[in-house]
Amino acid sequence: AEGDGFTIVLPGSDERSAVRIADRLRRKLARMPWPNLPAGAGFGARFGVAAGRNGQPIDNIAARARRALDAAWDHGNDHVVPASAIEEILLLPPPAPMAAAAA
Protein backbone atom coordinates (compact mmCIF):
# COMPACT_ATOMS: atom_id res chain seq x y z
CA ALA A 1 0.00 0.00 0.00
CA GLU A 2 1.07 3.58 -0.54
CA GLY A 3 1.65 6.24 2.09
CA ASP A 4 3.06 6.28 5.54
CA GLY A 5 1.88 4.24 8.46
CA PHE A 6 2.43 3.83 12.14
CA THR A 7 1.15 1.69 14.97
CA ILE A 8 -0.80 2.76 18.03
CA VAL A 9 -1.01 0.23 20.86
CA LEU A 10 -3.99 0.52 23.22
CA PRO A 11 -3.44 -1.97 26.07
CA GLY A 12 -6.68 -3.27 27.52
CA SER A 13 -8.81 -2.15 24.58
CA ASP A 14 -11.04 -4.53 22.73
CA GLU A 15 -11.56 -4.22 18.99
CA ARG A 16 -14.81 -2.28 19.29
CA SER A 17 -13.21 0.36 21.54
CA ALA A 18 -10.15 0.60 19.30
CA VAL A 19 -12.37 1.09 16.22
CA ARG A 20 -14.18 3.96 17.98
CA ILE A 21 -10.85 5.58 18.90
CA ALA A 22 -9.52 5.18 15.34
CA ASP A 23 -12.71 6.65 13.91
CA ARG A 24 -12.53 9.68 16.24
CA LEU A 25 -8.90 10.21 15.23
CA ARG A 26 -9.81 9.87 11.54
CA ARG A 27 -12.54 12.50 11.86
CA LYS A 28 -10.27 14.86 13.83
CA LEU A 29 -7.50 14.61 11.22
CA ALA A 30 -10.01 15.35 8.44
CA ARG A 31 -11.10 18.58 10.19
CA MET A 32 -7.60 19.88 10.96
CA PRO A 33 -6.11 22.59 8.76
CA TRP A 34 -3.02 21.31 6.96
CA PRO A 35 -0.70 24.12 5.82
CA ASN A 36 0.86 22.14 2.96
CA LEU A 37 -2.46 21.14 1.40
CA PRO A 38 -4.25 23.39 -1.09
CA ALA A 39 -7.40 25.12 0.12
CA GLY A 40 -10.34 22.73 0.07
CA ALA A 41 -8.14 19.64 -0.24
CA GLY A 42 -9.09 16.97 2.25
CA PHE A 43 -6.82 14.88 4.38
CA GLY A 44 -7.73 11.20 4.38
CA ALA A 45 -6.71 8.68 6.99
CA ARG A 46 -7.11 4.93 6.93
CA PHE A 47 -6.87 2.59 9.88
CA GLY A 48 -6.59 -1.15 10.28
CA VAL A 49 -7.57 -2.29 13.77
CA ALA A 50 -6.88 -5.61 15.49
CA ALA A 51 -7.21 -6.74 19.09
CA GLY A 52 -5.24 -9.49 20.76
CA ARG A 53 -6.78 -12.86 21.47
CA ASN A 54 -5.85 -14.99 24.49
CA GLY A 55 -2.08 -14.44 24.65
CA GLN A 56 -1.66 -13.97 20.90
CA PRO A 57 1.89 -12.78 20.07
CA ILE A 58 2.20 -9.08 19.19
CA ASP A 59 3.59 -10.02 15.76
CA ASN A 60 0.33 -11.83 14.95
CA ILE A 61 -1.77 -8.90 16.12
CA ALA A 62 0.35 -6.51 14.03
CA ALA A 63 -0.03 -8.75 10.96
CA ARG A 64 -3.81 -8.84 11.40
CA ALA A 65 -3.90 -5.04 11.76
CA ARG A 66 -1.79 -4.68 8.62
CA ARG A 67 -4.19 -6.86 6.61
CA ALA A 68 -7.05 -4.70 7.88
CA LEU A 69 -5.11 -1.57 6.88
CA ASP A 70 -4.57 -3.00 3.41
CA ALA A 71 -8.35 -3.54 3.19
CA ALA A 72 -8.90 0.08 4.29
CA TRP A 73 -6.58 1.24 1.48
CA ASP A 74 -8.68 -0.78 -0.97
CA HIS A 75 -11.78 1.15 0.17
CA GLY A 76 -10.24 4.59 -0.48
CA ASN A 77 -9.93 7.62 1.77
CA ASP A 78 -11.22 7.80 5.32
CA HIS A 79 -11.89 4.22 6.31
CA VAL A 80 -11.48 2.24 9.52
CA VAL A 81 -11.47 -1.52 8.99
CA PRO A 82 -11.49 -3.93 11.93
CA ALA A 83 -9.58 -7.16 11.39
CA SER A 84 -12.64 -9.17 12.39
CA ALA A 85 -14.58 -7.76 9.40
CA ILE A 86 -12.18 -9.29 6.91
CA GLU A 87 -11.34 -12.38 8.95
CA GLU A 88 -14.99 -13.45 9.06
CA ILE A 89 -14.78 -13.88 5.29
CA LEU A 90 -11.35 -15.52 5.39
CA LEU A 91 -12.44 -18.04 8.02
CA LEU A 92 -15.53 -19.23 6.20
CA PRO A 93 -15.28 -22.86 5.09
CA PRO A 94 -14.69 -23.38 1.39
CA PRO A 95 -17.81 -23.98 -0.68
CA ALA A 96 -18.83 -27.57 -1.21
CA PRO A 97 -18.00 -28.90 -4.68
CA MET A 98 -20.94 -28.87 -7.03
CA ALA A 99 -22.23 -32.21 -8.23
CA ALA A 100 -21.35 -32.93 -11.82
CA ALA A 101 -24.21 -32.20 -14.18
CA ALA A 102 -25.86 -35.28 -15.65
CA ALA A 103 -24.91 -35.77 -19.26
C-alpha atoms as a PDB file:
ATOM      1  CA  ALA A   1       0.000   0.000   0.000  1.00  0.00           C
ATOM      2  CA  GLU A   2       1.071   3.584  -0.544  1.00  0.00           C
ATOM      3  CA  GLY A   3       1.645   6.238   2.087  1.00  0.00           C
ATOM      4  CA  ASP A   4       3.064   6.278   5.540  1.00  0.00           C
ATOM      5  CA  GLY A   5       1.884   4.240   8.457  1.00  0.00           C
ATOM      6  CA  PHE A   6       2.434   3.828  12.140  1.00  0.00           C
ATOM      7  CA  THR A   7       1.148   1.689  14.971  1.00  0.00           C
ATOM      8  CA  ILE A   8      -0.803   2.762  18.033  1.00  0.00           C
ATOM      9  CA  VAL A   9      -1.013   0.233  20.855  1.00  0.00           C
ATOM     10  CA  LEU A  10      -3.988   0.517  23.218  1.00  0.00           C
ATOM     11  CA  PRO A  11      -3.441  -1.970  26.070  1.00  0.00           C
ATOM     12  CA  GLY A  12      -6.681  -3.271  27.521  1.00  0.00           C
ATOM     13  CA  SER A  13      -8.808  -2.150  24.577  1.00  0.00           C
ATOM     14  CA  ASP A  14     -11.039  -4.534  22.732  1.00  0.00           C
ATOM     15  CA  GLU A  15     -11.563  -4.221  18.989  1.00  0.00           C
ATOM     16  CA  ARG A  16     -14.812  -2.283  19.291  1.00  0.00           C
ATOM     17  CA  SER A  17     -13.205   0.358  21.539  1.00  0.00           C
ATOM     18  CA  ALA A  18     -10.153   0.602  19.299  1.00  0.00           C
ATOM     19  CA  VAL A  19     -12.370   1.091  16.221  1.00  0.00           C
ATOM     20  CA  ARG A  20     -14.182   3.956  17.980  1.00  0.00           C
ATOM     21  CA  ILE A  21     -10.855   5.583  18.896  1.00  0.00           C
ATOM     22  CA  ALA A  22      -9.516   5.181  15.338  1.00  0.00           C
ATOM     23  CA  ASP A  23     -12.715   6.651  13.912  1.00  0.00           C
ATOM     24  CA  ARG A  24     -12.534   9.681  16.240  1.00  0.00           C
ATOM     25  CA  LEU A  25      -8.905  10.214  15.235  1.00  0.00           C
ATOM     26  CA  ARG A  26      -9.807   9.874  11.539  1.00  0.00           C
ATOM     27  CA  ARG A  27     -12.544  12.503  11.861  1.00  0.00           C
ATOM     28  CA  LYS A  28     -10.269  14.861  13.831  1.00  0.00           C
ATOM     29  CA  LEU A  29      -7.503  14.606  11.220  1.00  0.00           C
ATOM     30  CA  ALA A  30     -10.008  15.350   8.436  1.00  0.00           C
ATOM     31  CA  ARG A  31     -11.099  18.576  10.189  1.00  0.00           C
ATOM     32  CA  MET A  32      -7.602  19.883  10.961  1.00  0.00           C
ATOM     33  CA  PRO A  33      -6.115  22.594   8.757  1.00  0.00           C
ATOM     34  CA  TRP A  34      -3.020  21.306   6.965  1.00  0.00           C
ATOM     35  CA  PRO A  35      -0.699  24.124   5.818  1.00  0.00           C
ATOM     36  CA  ASN A  36       0.861  22.139   2.959  1.00  0.00           C
ATOM     37  CA  LEU A  37      -2.463  21.142   1.401  1.00  0.00           C
ATOM     38  CA  PRO A  38      -4.246  23.389  -1.092  1.00  0.00           C
ATOM     39  CA  ALA A  39      -7.403  25.122   0.125  1.00  0.00           C
ATOM     40  CA  GLY A  40     -10.337  22.726   0.067  1.00  0.00           C
ATOM     41  CA  ALA A  41      -8.137  19.642  -0.239  1.00  0.00           C
ATOM     42  CA  GLY A  42      -9.090  16.968   2.245  1.00  0.00           C
ATOM     43  CA  PHE A  43      -6.818  14.876   4.379  1.00  0.00           C
ATOM     44  CA  GLY A  44      -7.726  11.202   4.379  1.00  0.00           C
ATOM     45  CA  ALA A  45      -6.712   8.683   6.992  1.00  0.00           C
ATOM     46  CA  ARG A  46      -7.108   4.929   6.931  1.00  0.00           C
ATOM     47  CA  PHE A  47      -6.866   2.591   9.878  1.00  0.00           C
ATOM     48  CA  GLY A  48      -6.591  -1.151  10.281  1.00  0.00           C
ATOM     49  CA  VAL A  49      -7.567  -2.292  13.768  1.00  0.00           C
ATOM     50  CA  ALA A  50      -6.884  -5.609  15.487  1.00  0.00           C
ATOM     51  CA  ALA A  51      -7.214  -6.743  19.089  1.00  0.00           C
ATOM     52  CA  GLY A  52      -5.237  -9.492  20.764  1.00  0.00           C
ATOM     53  CA  ARG A  53      -6.776 -12.859  21.471  1.00  0.00           C
ATOM     54  CA  ASN A  54      -5.845 -14.995  24.491  1.00  0.00           C
ATOM     55  CA  GLY A  55      -2.085 -14.443  24.649  1.00  0.00           C
ATOM     56  CA  GLN A  56      -1.663 -13.975  20.900  1.00  0.00           C
ATOM     57  CA  PRO A  57       1.893 -12.784  20.074  1.00  0.00           C
ATOM     58  CA  ILE A  58       2.201  -9.079  19.187  1.00  0.00           C
ATOM     59  CA  ASP A  59       3.590 -10.021  15.760  1.00  0.00           C
ATOM     60  CA  ASN A  60       0.333 -11.834  14.948  1.00  0.00           C
ATOM     61  CA  ILE A  61      -1.769  -8.901  16.118  1.00  0.00           C
ATOM     62  CA  ALA A  62       0.346  -6.507  14.034  1.00  0.00           C
ATOM     63  CA  ALA A  63      -0.025  -8.747  10.957  1.00  0.00           C
ATOM     64  CA  ARG A  64      -3.815  -8.839  11.398  1.00  0.00           C
ATOM     65  CA  ALA A  65      -3.904  -5.043  11.759  1.00  0.00           C
ATOM     66  CA  ARG A  66      -1.786  -4.682   8.620  1.00  0.00           C
ATOM     67  CA  ARG A  67      -4.191  -6.860   6.607  1.00  0.00           C
ATOM     68  CA  ALA A  68      -7.055  -4.700   7.879  1.00  0.00           C
ATOM     69  CA  LEU A  69      -5.115  -1.565   6.879  1.00  0.00           C
ATOM     70  CA  ASP A  70      -4.575  -2.999   3.408  1.00  0.00           C
ATOM     71  CA  ALA A  71      -8.348  -3.543   3.188  1.00  0.00           C
ATOM     72  CA  ALA A  72      -8.902   0.080   4.288  1.00  0.00           C
ATOM     73  CA  TRP A  73      -6.580   1.236   1.478  1.00  0.00           C
ATOM     74  CA  ASP A  74      -8.676  -0.775  -0.971  1.00  0.00           C
ATOM     75  CA  HIS A  75     -11.778   1.154   0.168  1.00  0.00           C
ATOM     76  CA  GLY A  76     -10.242   4.592  -0.484  1.00  0.00           C
ATOM     77  CA  ASN A  77      -9.935   7.617   1.774  1.00  0.00           C
ATOM     78  CA  ASP A  78     -11.219   7.801   5.316  1.00  0.00           C
ATOM     79  CA  HIS A  79     -11.886   4.219   6.311  1.00  0.00           C
ATOM     80  CA  VAL A  80     -11.482   2.240   9.517  1.00  0.00           C
ATOM     81  CA  VAL A  81     -11.473  -1.518   8.989  1.00  0.00           C
ATOM     82  CA  PRO A  82     -11.489  -3.927  11.929  1.00  0.00           C
ATOM     83  CA  ALA A  83      -9.584  -7.162  11.392  1.00  0.00           C
ATOM     84  CA  SER A  84     -12.644  -9.166  12.385  1.00  0.00           C
ATOM     85  CA  ALA A  85     -14.578  -7.759   9.403  1.00  0.00           C
ATOM     86  CA  ILE A  86     -12.175  -9.288   6.910  1.00  0.00           C
ATOM     87  CA  GLU A  87     -11.342 -12.377   8.951  1.00  0.00           C
ATOM     88  CA  GLU A  88     -14.985 -13.449   9.057  1.00  0.00           C
ATOM     89  CA  ILE A  89     -14.775 -13.880   5.295  1.00  0.00           C
ATOM     90  CA  LEU A  90     -11.345 -15.517   5.394  1.00  0.00           C
ATOM     91  CA  LEU A  91     -12.443 -18.036   8.024  1.00  0.00           C
ATOM     92  CA  LEU A  92     -15.531 -19.228   6.204  1.00  0.00           C
ATOM     93  CA  PRO A  93     -15.284 -22.858   5.092  1.00  0.00           C
ATOM     94  CA  PRO A  94     -14.687 -23.383   1.394  1.00  0.00           C
ATOM     95  CA  PRO A  95     -17.807 -23.976  -0.679  1.00  0.00           C
ATOM     96  CA  ALA A  96     -18.827 -27.571  -1.211  1.00  0.00           C
ATOM     97  CA  PRO A  97     -18.003 -28.897  -4.684  1.00  0.00           C
ATOM     98  CA  MET A  98     -20.942 -28.867  -7.032  1.00  0.00           C
ATOM     99  CA  ALA A  99     -22.233 -32.207  -8.227  1.00  0.00           C
ATOM    100  CA  ALA A 100     -21.350 -32.934 -11.824  1.00  0.00           C
ATOM    101  CA  ALA A 101     -24.209 -32.202 -14.175  1.00  0.00           C
ATOM    102  CA  ALA A 102     -25.863 -35.279 -15.649  1.00  0.00           C
ATOM    103  CA  ALA A 103     -24.913 -35.770 -19.261  1.00  0.00           C
END
